[in-house]
């Protein structure tokens, strides 16, 4: 044994690089974390877990440092690429992409246990993304004043009402409770406006 290491597994390297970005978020180095996520997403733009982590990093940045722009980017996306499309999708685009993948997995779920498991995991990710759209709007409202505050609160409330219409079970008991609690927080803030 010469002590030389063989080629690393690309999946392990990807996981390490993602973990580095996660650690940077934990340290409060949000710009560095987002650069790391963006570098990974340029290589793997449709990796949903990376998109989810990047959106959450923007959301955390917005909350911890009271940055409305970061909160907006958590919803709408950030870091435009050469094609003008955001490298980091944000919660809205992530929800749309996840929902499409969930529907495709659900089509074969009856005959494929792996597809059924994937569909279930994607459904959870979808409801989390849609929950965070409303959550971020509430968080943005708390940083805003005047008409902008009320506009954000109304958008958050409308988001939840739309989800209740489209998905009456709201993804099951866990997400029903989370959406109901969030709706109560929004209504409480609306009474203060």
N, C-alpha and C. Protein backbone atom coordinates (compact mmCIF):
# COMPACT_ATOMS: atom_id res chain seq x y z
N UNK A 1 0.84 -1.18 0.00
CA UNK A 1 0.00 0.00 0.00
C UNK A 1 0.88 1.23 0.00
N UNK A 2 0.70 2.02 -1.02
CA UNK A 2 1.54 3.20 -1.17
C UNK A 2 0.96 4.40 -0.42
N UNK A 3 -0.23 4.24 0.13
CA UNK A 3 -0.82 5.35 0.86
C UNK A 3 -1.61 6.28 -0.04
N UNK A 4 -1.63 6.02 -1.35
CA UNK A 4 -2.41 6.85 -2.25
C UNK A 4 -3.87 6.48 -2.15
N UNK A 5 -4.68 7.47 -2.27
CA UNK A 5 -6.12 7.23 -2.22
C UNK A 5 -6.66 7.14 -3.64
N UNK A 6 -7.64 6.30 -3.82
CA UNK A 6 -8.28 6.17 -5.12
C UNK A 6 -9.24 7.32 -5.35
N UNK A 7 -9.87 7.29 -6.49
CA UNK A 7 -10.84 8.33 -6.83
C UNK A 7 -12.00 8.28 -5.83
N UNK A 8 -12.43 9.44 -5.41
CA UNK A 8 -13.53 9.53 -4.45
C UNK A 8 -14.86 9.30 -5.19
N UNK A 9 -15.79 8.77 -4.45
CA UNK A 9 -17.15 8.59 -4.96
C UNK A 9 -17.76 9.98 -5.15
N UNK A 10 -18.24 10.32 -6.35
CA UNK A 10 -18.81 11.65 -6.59
C UNK A 10 -19.97 11.98 -5.65
N UNK A 11 -20.74 10.96 -5.25
CA UNK A 11 -21.85 11.21 -4.33
C UNK A 11 -21.35 11.60 -2.95
N UNK A 12 -20.25 10.99 -2.52
CA UNK A 12 -19.67 11.35 -1.22
C UNK A 12 -19.14 12.77 -1.26
N UNK A 13 -18.49 13.13 -2.35
CA UNK A 13 -17.96 14.48 -2.49
C UNK A 13 -19.09 15.50 -2.49
N UNK A 14 -20.15 15.20 -3.21
CA UNK A 14 -21.32 16.07 -3.23
C UNK A 14 -21.88 16.24 -1.82
N UNK A 15 -22.02 15.12 -1.10
CA UNK A 15 -22.55 15.17 0.27
C UNK A 15 -21.65 16.01 1.18
N UNK A 16 -20.34 15.88 1.01
CA UNK A 16 -19.40 16.67 1.82
C UNK A 16 -19.52 18.16 1.51
N UNK A 17 -19.64 18.47 0.23
CA UNK A 17 -19.76 19.89 -0.16
C UNK A 17 -21.07 20.49 0.35
N UNK A 18 -22.14 19.69 0.31
CA UNK A 18 -23.42 20.16 0.85
C UNK A 18 -23.30 20.37 2.36
N UNK A 19 -22.64 19.43 3.03
CA UNK A 19 -22.46 19.56 4.48
C UNK A 19 -21.66 20.81 4.83
N UNK A 20 -20.66 21.12 4.00
CA UNK A 20 -19.90 22.36 4.20
C UNK A 20 -20.83 23.57 4.12
N UNK A 21 -21.69 23.61 3.11
CA UNK A 21 -22.64 24.72 2.99
C UNK A 21 -23.57 24.76 4.21
N UNK A 22 -24.05 23.59 4.64
CA UNK A 22 -24.92 23.54 5.82
C UNK A 22 -24.20 24.10 7.05
N UNK A 23 -22.93 23.74 7.21
CA UNK A 23 -22.13 24.23 8.35
C UNK A 23 -21.95 25.74 8.26
N UNK A 24 -21.74 26.26 7.07
CA UNK A 24 -21.59 27.70 6.89
C UNK A 24 -22.87 28.43 7.32
N UNK A 25 -24.03 27.84 7.02
CA UNK A 25 -25.30 28.42 7.47
C UNK A 25 -25.33 28.43 8.99
N UNK A 26 -24.98 27.30 9.59
CA UNK A 26 -24.98 27.21 11.06
C UNK A 26 -24.06 28.23 11.69
N UNK A 27 -22.97 28.56 11.01
CA UNK A 27 -22.02 29.56 11.53
C UNK A 27 -22.46 30.99 11.24
N UNK A 28 -23.53 31.15 10.46
CA UNK A 28 -23.99 32.48 10.11
C UNK A 28 -23.25 33.10 8.93
N UNK A 29 -22.49 32.30 8.20
CA UNK A 29 -21.77 32.77 7.00
C UNK A 29 -22.66 32.52 5.78
N UNK A 30 -23.74 33.27 5.70
CA UNK A 30 -24.78 33.01 4.72
C UNK A 30 -24.32 33.23 3.28
N UNK A 31 -23.57 34.30 3.04
CA UNK A 31 -23.10 34.54 1.67
C UNK A 31 -22.20 33.41 1.19
N UNK A 32 -21.29 32.96 2.05
CA UNK A 32 -20.41 31.84 1.68
C UNK A 32 -21.21 30.57 1.48
N UNK A 33 -22.20 30.34 2.34
CA UNK A 33 -23.05 29.15 2.21
C UNK A 33 -23.78 29.16 0.88
N UNK A 34 -24.34 30.31 0.53
CA UNK A 34 -25.10 30.40 -0.72
C UNK A 34 -24.19 30.24 -1.94
N UNK A 35 -22.97 30.73 -1.84
CA UNK A 35 -22.02 30.51 -2.94
C UNK A 35 -21.74 29.02 -3.10
N UNK A 36 -21.61 28.32 -1.98
CA UNK A 36 -21.37 26.88 -2.02
C UNK A 36 -22.58 26.14 -2.60
N UNK A 37 -23.78 26.48 -2.13
CA UNK A 37 -24.99 25.85 -2.68
C UNK A 37 -25.10 26.14 -4.18
N UNK A 38 -24.84 27.38 -4.56
CA UNK A 38 -24.96 27.75 -5.98
C UNK A 38 -23.96 26.96 -6.83
N UNK A 39 -22.75 26.80 -6.34
CA UNK A 39 -21.75 26.02 -7.09
C UNK A 39 -22.24 24.58 -7.29
N UNK A 40 -22.81 24.01 -6.25
CA UNK A 40 -23.36 22.65 -6.36
C UNK A 40 -24.55 22.62 -7.31
N UNK A 41 -25.41 23.63 -7.23
CA UNK A 41 -26.60 23.66 -8.07
C UNK A 41 -26.28 23.93 -9.54
N UNK A 42 -25.17 24.57 -9.80
CA UNK A 42 -24.76 24.73 -11.20
C UNK A 42 -24.42 23.37 -11.81
N UNK A 43 -23.91 22.46 -10.97
CA UNK A 43 -23.59 21.11 -11.42
C UNK A 43 -24.83 20.21 -11.42
N UNK A 44 -25.69 20.39 -10.42
CA UNK A 44 -26.87 19.53 -10.25
C UNK A 44 -28.10 20.39 -10.00
N UNK A 45 -28.57 21.16 -10.99
CA UNK A 45 -29.65 22.12 -10.77
C UNK A 45 -30.98 21.51 -10.33
N UNK A 46 -31.23 20.26 -10.68
CA UNK A 46 -32.51 19.67 -10.33
C UNK A 46 -32.44 18.79 -9.08
N UNK A 47 -31.36 18.88 -8.33
CA UNK A 47 -31.27 18.10 -7.10
C UNK A 47 -32.12 18.81 -6.04
N UNK A 48 -33.28 18.22 -5.80
CA UNK A 48 -34.29 18.87 -4.97
C UNK A 48 -33.83 19.15 -3.55
N UNK A 49 -33.08 18.23 -2.96
CA UNK A 49 -32.61 18.43 -1.59
C UNK A 49 -31.66 19.63 -1.49
N UNK A 50 -30.87 19.85 -2.54
CA UNK A 50 -29.98 21.02 -2.56
C UNK A 50 -30.80 22.30 -2.69
N UNK A 51 -31.80 22.27 -3.56
CA UNK A 51 -32.66 23.44 -3.73
C UNK A 51 -33.37 23.77 -2.41
N UNK A 52 -33.83 22.74 -1.73
CA UNK A 52 -34.50 22.91 -0.45
C UNK A 52 -33.55 23.54 0.58
N UNK A 53 -32.33 23.03 0.65
CA UNK A 53 -31.35 23.55 1.61
C UNK A 53 -31.01 25.01 1.30
N UNK A 54 -30.88 25.34 0.03
CA UNK A 54 -30.54 26.72 -0.36
C UNK A 54 -31.69 27.67 -0.01
N UNK A 55 -32.93 27.26 -0.26
CA UNK A 55 -34.09 28.10 0.08
C UNK A 55 -34.15 28.32 1.59
N UNK A 56 -33.89 27.25 2.35
CA UNK A 56 -33.92 27.37 3.81
C UNK A 56 -32.79 28.27 4.30
N UNK A 57 -31.63 28.21 3.64
CA UNK A 57 -30.52 29.08 4.02
C UNK A 57 -30.91 30.55 3.83
N UNK A 58 -31.56 30.86 2.71
CA UNK A 58 -32.02 32.24 2.48
C UNK A 58 -33.04 32.65 3.53
N UNK A 59 -33.95 31.75 3.86
CA UNK A 59 -34.96 32.04 4.87
C UNK A 59 -34.31 32.29 6.23
N UNK A 60 -33.38 31.45 6.60
CA UNK A 60 -32.69 31.62 7.88
C UNK A 60 -31.91 32.93 7.91
N UNK A 61 -31.25 33.26 6.82
CA UNK A 61 -30.51 34.51 6.71
C UNK A 61 -31.47 35.69 6.92
N UNK A 62 -32.60 35.64 6.23
CA UNK A 62 -33.57 36.73 6.36
C UNK A 62 -34.07 36.91 7.77
N UNK A 63 -34.31 35.80 8.46
CA UNK A 63 -34.81 35.86 9.84
C UNK A 63 -33.72 36.34 10.78
N UNK A 64 -32.56 35.69 10.74
CA UNK A 64 -31.50 36.00 11.71
C UNK A 64 -30.96 37.41 11.56
N UNK A 65 -30.88 37.90 10.34
CA UNK A 65 -30.31 39.24 10.15
C UNK A 65 -31.35 40.26 9.70
N UNK A 66 -32.62 39.91 9.84
CA UNK A 66 -33.73 40.79 9.48
C UNK A 66 -33.51 41.42 8.11
N UNK A 67 -33.35 40.56 7.12
CA UNK A 67 -33.11 40.98 5.74
C UNK A 67 -34.31 40.63 4.87
N UNK A 68 -35.19 41.59 4.61
CA UNK A 68 -36.36 41.33 3.76
C UNK A 68 -35.98 40.79 2.37
N UNK A 69 -34.87 41.26 1.81
CA UNK A 69 -34.46 40.79 0.48
C UNK A 69 -34.16 39.29 0.49
N UNK A 70 -33.52 38.81 1.54
CA UNK A 70 -33.22 37.37 1.63
C UNK A 70 -34.51 36.57 1.78
N UNK A 71 -35.46 37.10 2.54
CA UNK A 71 -36.75 36.42 2.67
C UNK A 71 -37.46 36.35 1.32
N UNK A 72 -37.45 37.43 0.59
CA UNK A 72 -38.06 37.44 -0.74
C UNK A 72 -37.37 36.42 -1.66
N UNK A 73 -36.06 36.36 -1.59
CA UNK A 73 -35.31 35.40 -2.41
C UNK A 73 -35.61 33.96 -1.98
N UNK A 74 -35.88 33.74 -0.72
CA UNK A 74 -36.24 32.40 -0.26
C UNK A 74 -37.51 31.92 -0.95
N UNK A 75 -38.42 32.83 -1.25
CA UNK A 75 -39.66 32.49 -1.93
C UNK A 75 -39.47 32.46 -3.44
N UNK A 76 -38.84 33.49 -3.99
CA UNK A 76 -38.79 33.67 -5.45
C UNK A 76 -37.53 33.15 -6.13
N UNK A 77 -36.48 32.89 -5.34
CA UNK A 77 -35.24 32.41 -5.92
C UNK A 77 -34.17 33.48 -5.94
N UNK A 78 -32.95 33.05 -6.26
CA UNK A 78 -31.81 33.96 -6.20
C UNK A 78 -30.70 33.48 -7.13
N UNK A 79 -29.74 34.34 -7.31
CA UNK A 79 -28.50 34.06 -8.03
C UNK A 79 -28.75 33.69 -9.50
N UNK A 80 -29.17 34.69 -10.30
CA UNK A 80 -29.42 34.40 -11.71
C UNK A 80 -28.18 33.86 -12.41
N UNK A 81 -28.40 32.85 -13.23
CA UNK A 81 -27.33 32.27 -14.02
C UNK A 81 -27.19 33.00 -15.34
N UNK A 82 -26.30 32.51 -16.22
CA UNK A 82 -26.10 33.15 -17.52
C UNK A 82 -27.37 33.19 -18.38
N UNK A 83 -28.27 32.24 -18.15
CA UNK A 83 -29.52 32.20 -18.92
C UNK A 83 -30.60 33.09 -18.32
N UNK A 84 -30.27 33.78 -17.21
CA UNK A 84 -31.23 34.66 -16.55
C UNK A 84 -32.11 33.96 -15.55
N UNK A 85 -32.09 32.63 -15.52
CA UNK A 85 -32.90 31.88 -14.56
C UNK A 85 -32.13 31.74 -13.26
N UNK A 86 -32.86 31.75 -12.16
CA UNK A 86 -32.23 31.64 -10.85
C UNK A 86 -31.63 30.25 -10.64
N UNK A 87 -30.38 30.23 -10.19
CA UNK A 87 -29.72 28.98 -9.85
C UNK A 87 -30.39 28.38 -8.60
N UNK A 88 -30.66 29.23 -7.62
CA UNK A 88 -31.42 28.83 -6.44
C UNK A 88 -32.87 29.15 -6.74
N UNK A 89 -33.71 28.14 -6.77
CA UNK A 89 -35.08 28.30 -7.22
C UNK A 89 -35.97 29.05 -6.24
N UNK A 90 -35.82 28.82 -4.95
CA UNK A 90 -36.76 29.38 -3.98
C UNK A 90 -37.93 28.42 -3.79
N UNK A 91 -38.71 28.69 -2.73
CA UNK A 91 -39.79 27.78 -2.34
C UNK A 91 -40.85 27.61 -3.41
N UNK A 92 -41.22 28.67 -4.12
CA UNK A 92 -42.28 28.54 -5.12
C UNK A 92 -41.91 27.59 -6.25
N UNK A 93 -40.78 27.82 -6.86
CA UNK A 93 -40.38 26.96 -7.98
C UNK A 93 -40.06 25.54 -7.50
N UNK A 94 -39.50 25.44 -6.31
CA UNK A 94 -39.23 24.11 -5.74
C UNK A 94 -40.54 23.34 -5.57
N UNK A 95 -41.57 24.00 -5.04
CA UNK A 95 -42.86 23.33 -4.85
C UNK A 95 -43.41 22.84 -6.19
N UNK A 96 -43.30 23.64 -7.21
CA UNK A 96 -43.80 23.25 -8.53
C UNK A 96 -43.03 22.04 -9.07
N UNK A 97 -41.72 22.09 -8.96
CA UNK A 97 -40.89 20.98 -9.46
C UNK A 97 -41.15 19.70 -8.67
N UNK A 98 -41.25 19.83 -7.36
CA UNK A 98 -41.49 18.67 -6.51
C UNK A 98 -42.86 18.06 -6.80
N UNK A 99 -43.86 18.92 -7.00
CA UNK A 99 -45.20 18.42 -7.27
C UNK A 99 -45.22 17.62 -8.58
N UNK A 100 -44.52 18.09 -9.59
CA UNK A 100 -44.45 17.35 -10.85
C UNK A 100 -43.77 16.00 -10.66
N UNK A 101 -42.68 15.99 -9.93
CA UNK A 101 -41.96 14.73 -9.67
C UNK A 101 -42.83 13.79 -8.83
N UNK A 102 -43.56 14.35 -7.88
CA UNK A 102 -44.44 13.54 -7.03
C UNK A 102 -45.53 12.88 -7.87
N UNK A 103 -46.11 13.64 -8.78
CA UNK A 103 -47.18 13.10 -9.63
C UNK A 103 -46.65 11.97 -10.52
N UNK A 104 -45.45 12.16 -11.06
CA UNK A 104 -44.85 11.10 -11.91
C UNK A 104 -44.58 9.85 -11.08
N UNK A 105 -44.06 10.01 -9.88
CA UNK A 105 -43.79 8.85 -9.02
C UNK A 105 -45.10 8.17 -8.62
N UNK A 106 -46.15 8.94 -8.37
CA UNK A 106 -47.43 8.38 -7.95
C UNK A 106 -48.06 7.53 -9.05
N UNK A 107 -47.76 7.85 -10.31
CA UNK A 107 -48.33 7.09 -11.43
C UNK A 107 -47.89 5.63 -11.41
N UNK A 108 -46.69 5.36 -10.94
CA UNK A 108 -46.18 3.98 -10.91
C UNK A 108 -46.12 3.41 -9.49
N UNK A 109 -46.63 4.15 -8.53
CA UNK A 109 -46.52 3.74 -7.13
C UNK A 109 -47.22 2.43 -6.83
N UNK A 110 -48.33 2.15 -7.51
CA UNK A 110 -49.09 0.93 -7.22
C UNK A 110 -48.28 -0.32 -7.52
N UNK A 111 -47.44 -0.26 -8.54
CA UNK A 111 -46.67 -1.45 -8.93
C UNK A 111 -45.19 -1.38 -8.54
N UNK A 112 -44.77 -0.24 -8.00
CA UNK A 112 -43.36 -0.06 -7.67
C UNK A 112 -43.21 0.53 -6.27
N UNK A 113 -42.83 -0.31 -5.30
CA UNK A 113 -42.70 0.19 -3.91
C UNK A 113 -41.72 1.35 -3.78
N UNK A 114 -40.65 1.34 -4.56
CA UNK A 114 -39.68 2.44 -4.50
C UNK A 114 -40.32 3.75 -4.97
N UNK A 115 -41.14 3.66 -6.01
CA UNK A 115 -41.84 4.85 -6.51
C UNK A 115 -42.85 5.35 -5.48
N UNK A 116 -43.51 4.42 -4.79
CA UNK A 116 -44.46 4.81 -3.75
C UNK A 116 -43.76 5.55 -2.62
N UNK A 117 -42.61 5.04 -2.22
CA UNK A 117 -41.83 5.70 -1.16
C UNK A 117 -41.37 7.07 -1.62
N UNK A 118 -40.90 7.16 -2.87
CA UNK A 118 -40.45 8.45 -3.42
C UNK A 118 -41.62 9.43 -3.48
N UNK A 119 -42.79 8.97 -3.91
CA UNK A 119 -43.96 9.85 -3.99
C UNK A 119 -44.32 10.40 -2.62
N UNK A 120 -44.22 9.55 -1.61
CA UNK A 120 -44.54 9.98 -0.24
C UNK A 120 -43.53 11.03 0.25
N UNK A 121 -42.25 10.78 -0.02
CA UNK A 121 -41.20 11.73 0.39
C UNK A 121 -41.35 13.06 -0.34
N UNK A 122 -41.69 12.99 -1.63
CA UNK A 122 -41.87 14.21 -2.42
C UNK A 122 -43.11 14.98 -1.97
N UNK A 123 -44.16 14.26 -1.59
CA UNK A 123 -45.36 14.94 -1.09
C UNK A 123 -45.02 15.74 0.17
N UNK A 124 -44.23 15.15 1.05
CA UNK A 124 -43.82 15.85 2.27
C UNK A 124 -43.00 17.09 1.92
N UNK A 125 -42.09 16.96 0.95
CA UNK A 125 -41.26 18.09 0.53
C UNK A 125 -42.13 19.18 -0.10
N UNK A 126 -43.14 18.77 -0.86
CA UNK A 126 -44.05 19.74 -1.49
C UNK A 126 -44.78 20.56 -0.42
N UNK A 127 -45.38 19.87 0.56
CA UNK A 127 -46.12 20.59 1.59
C UNK A 127 -45.19 21.46 2.44
N UNK A 128 -43.97 21.01 2.64
CA UNK A 128 -43.01 21.83 3.37
C UNK A 128 -42.70 23.11 2.59
N UNK A 129 -42.50 22.98 1.29
CA UNK A 129 -42.19 24.16 0.46
C UNK A 129 -43.36 25.14 0.46
N UNK A 130 -44.59 24.62 0.30
CA UNK A 130 -45.75 25.51 0.28
C UNK A 130 -45.99 26.14 1.66
N UNK A 131 -45.74 25.39 2.71
CA UNK A 131 -45.83 25.93 4.07
C UNK A 131 -44.84 27.09 4.22
N UNK A 132 -43.62 26.89 3.74
CA UNK A 132 -42.59 27.92 3.89
C UNK A 132 -42.88 29.16 3.06
N UNK A 133 -43.59 29.03 1.94
CA UNK A 133 -44.00 30.22 1.20
C UNK A 133 -44.85 31.11 2.11
N UNK A 134 -45.84 30.51 2.74
CA UNK A 134 -46.72 31.29 3.65
C UNK A 134 -45.94 31.77 4.87
N UNK A 135 -45.09 30.91 5.41
CA UNK A 135 -44.31 31.27 6.60
C UNK A 135 -43.40 32.48 6.32
N UNK A 136 -42.73 32.45 5.19
CA UNK A 136 -41.83 33.55 4.83
C UNK A 136 -42.61 34.84 4.65
N UNK A 137 -43.80 34.75 4.08
CA UNK A 137 -44.61 35.97 3.92
C UNK A 137 -44.99 36.54 5.29
N UNK A 138 -45.29 35.67 6.25
CA UNK A 138 -45.55 36.14 7.61
C UNK A 138 -44.30 36.78 8.20
N UNK A 139 -43.17 36.13 8.04
CA UNK A 139 -41.92 36.68 8.56
C UNK A 139 -41.60 38.02 7.91
N UNK A 140 -41.86 38.14 6.61
CA UNK A 140 -41.64 39.41 5.90
C UNK A 140 -42.57 40.49 6.43
N UNK A 141 -43.81 40.11 6.73
CA UNK A 141 -44.77 41.08 7.26
C UNK A 141 -44.29 41.63 8.60
N UNK A 142 -43.67 40.79 9.39
CA UNK A 142 -43.18 41.24 10.70
C UNK A 142 -42.05 42.25 10.58
N UNK A 143 -41.38 42.28 9.43
CA UNK A 143 -40.31 43.25 9.19
C UNK A 143 -40.82 44.49 8.46
N UNK A 144 -42.03 44.41 7.92
CA UNK A 144 -42.58 45.50 7.12
C UNK A 144 -43.48 46.40 7.96
N UNK A 145 -43.84 47.53 7.39
CA UNK A 145 -44.77 48.45 8.03
C UNK A 145 -45.81 48.88 7.01
N UNK A 146 -46.88 49.47 7.51
CA UNK A 146 -47.90 50.05 6.65
C UNK A 146 -48.54 49.06 5.69
N UNK A 147 -48.84 49.54 4.47
CA UNK A 147 -49.52 48.68 3.49
C UNK A 147 -48.71 47.43 3.11
N UNK A 148 -47.40 47.53 3.11
CA UNK A 148 -46.57 46.38 2.76
C UNK A 148 -46.77 45.25 3.77
N UNK A 149 -46.93 45.62 5.02
CA UNK A 149 -47.16 44.61 6.07
C UNK A 149 -48.47 43.87 5.82
N UNK A 150 -49.51 44.62 5.61
CA UNK A 150 -50.83 44.01 5.38
C UNK A 150 -50.82 43.19 4.09
N UNK A 151 -50.15 43.67 3.08
CA UNK A 151 -50.06 42.94 1.80
C UNK A 151 -49.40 41.57 2.00
N UNK A 152 -48.32 41.53 2.77
CA UNK A 152 -47.63 40.26 3.04
C UNK A 152 -48.53 39.32 3.83
N UNK A 153 -49.22 39.84 4.83
CA UNK A 153 -50.11 39.02 5.65
C UNK A 153 -51.25 38.45 4.81
N UNK A 154 -51.83 39.29 3.96
CA UNK A 154 -52.91 38.82 3.09
C UNK A 154 -52.40 37.76 2.11
N UNK A 155 -51.20 37.95 1.59
CA UNK A 155 -50.62 36.96 0.67
C UNK A 155 -50.39 35.63 1.40
N UNK A 156 -49.92 35.70 2.64
CA UNK A 156 -49.70 34.48 3.43
C UNK A 156 -51.02 33.76 3.67
N UNK A 157 -52.02 34.52 4.04
CA UNK A 157 -53.34 33.92 4.31
C UNK A 157 -53.91 33.31 3.04
N UNK A 158 -53.82 34.03 1.93
CA UNK A 158 -54.34 33.54 0.65
C UNK A 158 -53.62 32.27 0.22
N UNK A 159 -52.32 32.21 0.49
CA UNK A 159 -51.54 31.02 0.14
C UNK A 159 -52.10 29.80 0.86
N UNK A 160 -52.38 29.94 2.14
CA UNK A 160 -52.91 28.81 2.91
C UNK A 160 -54.32 28.46 2.46
N UNK A 161 -55.15 29.46 2.22
CA UNK A 161 -56.52 29.20 1.77
C UNK A 161 -56.51 28.47 0.42
N UNK A 162 -55.62 28.86 -0.47
CA UNK A 162 -55.50 28.17 -1.76
C UNK A 162 -55.08 26.72 -1.58
N UNK A 163 -54.14 26.50 -0.67
CA UNK A 163 -53.69 25.13 -0.40
C UNK A 163 -54.84 24.30 0.15
N UNK A 164 -55.65 24.87 1.03
CA UNK A 164 -56.78 24.14 1.61
C UNK A 164 -57.80 23.78 0.53
N UNK A 165 -57.97 24.66 -0.45
CA UNK A 165 -58.90 24.38 -1.54
C UNK A 165 -58.36 23.28 -2.46
N UNK A 166 -57.08 23.39 -2.82
CA UNK A 166 -56.48 22.43 -3.74
C UNK A 166 -56.19 21.08 -3.10
N UNK A 167 -55.81 21.10 -1.83
CA UNK A 167 -55.42 19.89 -1.10
C UNK A 167 -56.14 19.89 0.24
N UNK A 168 -57.42 19.51 0.28
CA UNK A 168 -58.20 19.61 1.52
C UNK A 168 -57.56 18.90 2.72
N UNK A 169 -56.80 17.83 2.48
CA UNK A 169 -56.17 17.14 3.62
C UNK A 169 -54.84 17.79 4.01
N UNK A 170 -54.38 18.77 3.23
CA UNK A 170 -53.14 19.51 3.49
C UNK A 170 -51.94 18.60 3.79
N UNK A 171 -51.91 17.44 3.17
CA UNK A 171 -50.76 16.56 3.33
C UNK A 171 -50.78 15.70 4.58
N UNK A 172 -51.91 15.63 5.26
CA UNK A 172 -52.01 14.78 6.44
C UNK A 172 -51.96 15.57 7.73
N UNK A 173 -52.07 14.84 8.82
CA UNK A 173 -52.21 15.46 10.14
C UNK A 173 -51.08 16.42 10.49
N UNK A 174 -49.84 16.00 10.21
CA UNK A 174 -48.68 16.84 10.57
C UNK A 174 -48.77 18.21 9.89
N UNK A 175 -49.03 18.21 8.58
CA UNK A 175 -49.06 19.48 7.85
C UNK A 175 -50.35 20.24 8.13
N UNK A 176 -51.46 19.54 8.36
CA UNK A 176 -52.70 20.23 8.73
C UNK A 176 -52.47 21.06 9.99
N UNK A 177 -51.85 20.45 10.99
CA UNK A 177 -51.58 21.16 12.25
C UNK A 177 -50.65 22.35 12.03
N UNK A 178 -49.62 22.15 11.21
CA UNK A 178 -48.66 23.24 10.95
C UNK A 178 -49.33 24.40 10.22
N UNK A 179 -50.13 24.08 9.18
CA UNK A 179 -50.82 25.14 8.43
C UNK A 179 -51.84 25.85 9.32
N UNK A 180 -52.56 25.12 10.16
CA UNK A 180 -53.55 25.74 11.04
C UNK A 180 -52.89 26.67 12.05
N UNK A 181 -51.78 26.23 12.61
CA UNK A 181 -51.05 27.07 13.57
C UNK A 181 -50.55 28.34 12.88
N UNK A 182 -50.01 28.18 11.67
CA UNK A 182 -49.52 29.33 10.92
C UNK A 182 -50.66 30.28 10.58
N UNK A 183 -51.79 29.74 10.19
CA UNK A 183 -52.95 30.57 9.89
C UNK A 183 -53.39 31.36 11.12
N UNK A 184 -53.35 30.74 12.28
CA UNK A 184 -53.71 31.44 13.52
C UNK A 184 -52.73 32.59 13.79
N UNK A 185 -51.44 32.35 13.54
CA UNK A 185 -50.43 33.42 13.72
C UNK A 185 -50.70 34.58 12.76
N UNK A 186 -51.03 34.24 11.52
CA UNK A 186 -51.31 35.27 10.50
C UNK A 186 -52.53 36.09 10.92
N UNK A 187 -53.59 35.39 11.33
CA UNK A 187 -54.82 36.10 11.74
C UNK A 187 -54.56 37.00 12.95
N UNK A 188 -53.72 36.53 13.85
CA UNK A 188 -53.37 37.36 15.02
C UNK A 188 -52.63 38.63 14.57
N UNK A 189 -51.70 38.48 13.63
CA UNK A 189 -50.97 39.65 13.12
C UNK A 189 -51.92 40.58 12.36
N UNK A 190 -52.90 40.02 11.64
CA UNK A 190 -53.84 40.86 10.90
C UNK A 190 -54.69 41.71 11.84
N UNK A 191 -54.99 41.19 13.03
CA UNK A 191 -55.76 41.99 13.98
C UNK A 191 -54.95 43.18 14.51
N UNK A 192 -53.62 43.07 14.46
CA UNK A 192 -52.75 44.16 14.92
C UNK A 192 -52.54 45.22 13.84
N UNK A 193 -52.84 44.87 12.59
CA UNK A 193 -52.57 45.80 11.47
C UNK A 193 -53.56 46.93 11.42
